[in-house]
């Protein structure tokens, strides 16, 4: 689980350009949360959540495609 937290902290730092103190605060809060869960034997992931992520909840082939996708649009209808 620490890998996911480390990835999240790296995301905050590099992608969201979070300030160093913010990253330190997030790291502290996340470690306290992990300790809380460990003391109470609480699992962060269960089998049901894993199964839900594995299957696509929005299948792309459920409906036939509309004819709009095969039409080419003209960017400019007249010369300017």
Protein backbone atom coordinates (compact mmCIF):
# COMPACT_ATOMS: atom_id res chain seq x y z
CA UNK A 1 0.00 0.00 0.00
CA UNK A 2 2.93 2.33 0.62
CA UNK A 3 3.71 2.22 -3.10
CA UNK A 4 0.36 3.79 -3.87
CA UNK A 5 0.91 6.48 -1.27
CA UNK A 6 4.38 7.19 -2.63
CA UNK A 7 2.93 7.44 -6.14
CA UNK A 8 0.30 9.85 -4.86
CA UNK A 9 2.91 12.01 -3.14
CA UNK A 10 5.02 12.06 -6.30
CA UNK A 11 1.91 13.06 -8.27
CA UNK A 12 1.27 15.93 -5.85
CA UNK A 13 4.85 17.09 -6.10
CA UNK A 14 5.47 16.79 -9.85
CA UNK A 15 2.08 17.04 -11.53
CA UNK A 16 0.17 19.32 -9.16
CA UNK A 17 3.28 21.32 -8.14
CA UNK A 18 2.34 21.12 -4.47
CA UNK A 19 4.49 23.04 -2.03
CA UNK A 20 7.01 20.98 -0.03
CA UNK A 21 5.19 21.64 3.24
CA UNK A 22 1.94 20.38 1.69
CA UNK A 23 3.60 17.15 0.56
CA UNK A 24 5.09 16.67 4.05
CA UNK A 25 1.65 17.22 5.61
CA UNK A 26 0.00 14.73 3.25
CA UNK A 27 2.71 12.18 4.02
CA UNK A 28 2.21 12.64 7.76
CA UNK A 29 -1.57 12.36 7.49
CA UNK A 30 -1.40 9.27 5.29
CA UNK A 31 1.03 7.52 7.62
CA UNK A 32 -1.24 8.27 10.60
CA UNK A 33 -4.18 6.87 8.65
CA UNK A 34 -2.25 3.68 7.83
CA UNK A 35 -1.30 3.24 11.49
CA UNK A 36 -4.95 3.70 12.49
CA UNK A 37 -6.07 1.04 10.03
CA UNK A 38 -3.34 -1.38 11.08
CA UNK A 39 -4.24 -1.04 14.77
CA UNK A 40 -7.85 -1.94 14.00
CA UNK A 41 -7.10 -4.62 11.36
CA UNK A 42 -8.95 -2.68 8.67
CA UNK A 43 -8.16 -3.64 5.08
CA UNK A 44 -8.03 -0.86 2.54
CA UNK A 45 -8.95 -3.09 -0.40
CA UNK A 46 -11.33 -5.97 -0.52
CA UNK A 47 -12.08 -8.54 -3.22
CA UNK A 48 -15.28 -6.82 -4.32
CA UNK A 49 -13.44 -3.59 -5.10
CA UNK A 50 -10.77 -5.45 -7.06
CA UNK A 51 -13.42 -7.22 -9.15
CA UNK A 52 -15.21 -3.96 -9.89
CA UNK A 53 -12.00 -2.41 -11.21
CA UNK A 54 -11.23 -5.40 -13.44
CA UNK A 55 -14.42 -5.26 -15.47
CA UNK A 56 -15.41 -2.29 -17.56
CA UNK A 57 -18.50 -0.57 -16.20
CA UNK A 58 -18.94 1.37 -19.44
CA UNK A 59 -18.62 -1.04 -22.39
CA UNK A 60 -17.82 0.72 -25.64
CA UNK A 61 -19.58 -1.72 -27.97
CA UNK A 62 -23.00 -1.72 -26.30
CA UNK A 63 -24.68 0.58 -28.83
CA UNK A 64 -24.30 0.81 -32.58
CA UNK A 65 -22.21 3.70 -33.79
CA UNK A 66 -24.02 6.72 -35.14
CA UNK A 67 -23.40 7.91 -38.66
CA UNK A 68 -22.03 11.22 -37.37
CA UNK A 69 -18.60 9.68 -36.82
CA UNK A 70 -18.06 8.85 -40.49
CA UNK A 71 -18.85 12.34 -41.77
CA UNK A 72 -16.05 14.74 -42.40
CA UNK A 73 -16.61 18.23 -41.18
CA UNK A 74 -15.27 21.17 -43.18
CA UNK A 75 -13.31 23.48 -40.90
CA UNK A 76 -14.17 26.52 -43.00
CA UNK A 77 -17.29 26.66 -45.14
CA UNK A 78 -16.06 29.69 -47.07
CA UNK A 79 -12.74 31.32 -47.80
CA UNK A 80 -11.92 34.18 -45.49
